[in-house]
Amino acid sequence: MELNQSDERVLENWIAGTVKAEIVPEVPLVDAEYENDRLVLLAAESPTLGQMVRDTLAEMDEYGDSHHAIWLGSFEVGRPRTQVQLVITQNPDLWVDED
């Protein structure tokens, strides 16, 4: 892979330790009321899933959304069309029991 001059300067500065990145606070996956064991376990096994949850929570906080569904996949063969979603909601009518 060839780098252009700009990329080379960034890499040289990074190696020299002179590049300073903004630290963005990470949205925690635990709460004072809930340990969220399943969520923490899944996030540890899949950093992608953990980041999807954190990003969505941050967006909901920023834009005031109370419900967000992320499509993960679909099934059609041998069954009625079925969709798998990651749902993050503040709507009590859509909550499921923790157990």
Protein backbone atom coordinates (compact mmCIF):
# COMPACT_ATOMS: atom_id res chain seq x y z
CA MET A 1 0.00 0.00 0.00
CA GLU A 2 1.40 3.36 -0.99
CA LEU A 3 0.83 6.44 1.13
CA ASN A 4 0.53 9.95 -0.18
CA GLN A 5 2.59 12.75 1.39
CA SER A 6 -0.21 13.80 3.73
CA ASP A 7 -0.70 10.24 5.00
CA GLU A 8 3.06 9.86 5.45
CA ARG A 9 3.20 13.02 7.60
CA VAL A 10 0.32 11.80 9.76
CA LEU A 11 2.01 8.42 10.18
CA GLU A 12 5.35 10.06 11.06
CA ASN A 13 3.65 12.31 13.63
CA TRP A 14 1.76 9.35 15.08
CA ILE A 15 4.96 7.33 15.44
CA ALA A 16 6.66 10.34 17.04
CA GLY A 17 3.75 10.65 19.46
CA THR A 18 2.80 14.16 18.39
CA VAL A 19 -0.69 13.29 17.11
CA LYS A 20 -3.38 14.01 19.66
CA ALA A 21 -6.76 12.43 19.12
CA GLU A 22 -9.90 13.74 20.74
CA ILE A 23 -11.04 11.45 23.54
CA VAL A 24 -14.71 10.65 23.12
CA PRO A 25 -16.38 9.37 26.29
CA GLU A 26 -17.72 5.86 25.84
CA VAL A 27 -21.36 5.17 26.66
CA PRO A 28 -21.33 2.60 29.49
CA LEU A 29 -23.22 -0.64 29.01
CA VAL A 30 -24.01 -1.03 32.71
CA ASP A 31 -26.44 1.00 34.77
CA ALA A 32 -26.98 1.73 38.47
CA GLU A 33 -30.21 -0.29 38.34
CA TYR A 34 -29.19 -3.05 35.91
CA GLU A 35 -25.93 -4.95 35.47
CA ASN A 36 -26.93 -5.89 31.90
CA ASP A 37 -25.00 -9.16 32.07
CA ARG A 38 -26.20 -10.45 28.69
CA LEU A 39 -25.43 -7.17 26.93
CA VAL A 40 -21.97 -6.92 28.49
CA LEU A 41 -21.21 -10.56 27.55
CA LEU A 42 -22.37 -10.08 23.95
CA ALA A 43 -20.44 -6.81 23.64
CA ALA A 44 -17.30 -8.54 24.93
CA GLU A 45 -17.73 -11.30 22.34
CA SER A 46 -18.65 -8.87 19.57
CA PRO A 47 -17.09 -5.42 19.75
CA THR A 48 -19.17 -4.54 16.66
CA LEU A 49 -22.40 -5.18 18.56
CA GLY A 50 -21.17 -3.23 21.57
CA GLN A 51 -20.28 -0.27 19.36
CA MET A 52 -23.66 -0.44 17.59
CA VAL A 53 -25.41 -0.21 20.97
CA ARG A 54 -23.18 2.63 22.21
CA ASP A 55 -23.55 4.59 18.97
CA THR A 56 -27.33 4.17 18.97
CA LEU A 57 -27.63 5.24 22.62
CA ALA A 58 -25.52 8.31 21.89
CA GLU A 59 -27.66 9.18 18.84
CA MET A 60 -30.85 8.73 20.86
CA ASP A 61 -29.48 11.09 23.52
CA GLU A 62 -28.36 13.63 20.93
CA TYR A 63 -31.52 13.67 18.82
CA GLY A 64 -34.13 12.84 21.47
CA ASP A 65 -35.28 9.63 19.77
CA SER A 66 -37.09 7.19 22.04
CA HIS A 67 -36.98 4.13 19.77
CA HIS A 68 -34.47 2.76 17.30
CA ALA A 69 -34.42 -0.58 15.46
CA ILE A 70 -31.40 -1.87 13.54
CA TRP A 71 -31.90 -4.54 10.90
CA LEU A 72 -29.55 -7.49 11.43
CA GLY A 73 -30.90 -10.02 8.96
CA SER A 74 -33.91 -11.77 7.42
CA PHE A 75 -35.09 -15.32 6.78
CA GLU A 76 -37.55 -16.40 4.08
CA VAL A 77 -36.72 -19.96 3.06
CA GLY A 78 -38.79 -22.61 4.84
CA ARG A 79 -40.54 -20.16 7.14
CA PRO A 80 -42.69 -17.06 7.04
CA ARG A 81 -40.57 -14.00 6.34
CA THR A 82 -38.77 -13.31 9.59
CA GLN A 83 -36.61 -10.32 10.48
CA VAL A 84 -33.92 -10.12 13.15
CA GLN A 85 -33.55 -6.70 14.73
CA LEU A 86 -31.60 -5.02 17.46
CA VAL A 87 -34.19 -2.82 19.16
CA ILE A 88 -33.24 -0.07 21.57
CA THR A 89 -36.31 1.57 23.03
CA GLN A 90 -37.49 3.86 25.80
CA ASN A 91 -41.12 3.00 25.04
CA PRO A 92 -42.51 0.93 27.95
CA ASP A 93 -45.16 -0.59 25.66
CA LEU A 94 -42.34 -2.32 23.74
CA TRP A 95 -40.30 -3.55 26.71
CA VAL A 96 -39.82 -7.27 27.36
CA ASP A 97 -39.29 -8.93 30.72
CA GLU A 98 -35.63 -9.05 31.75
CA ASP A 99 -35.84 -12.76 32.52
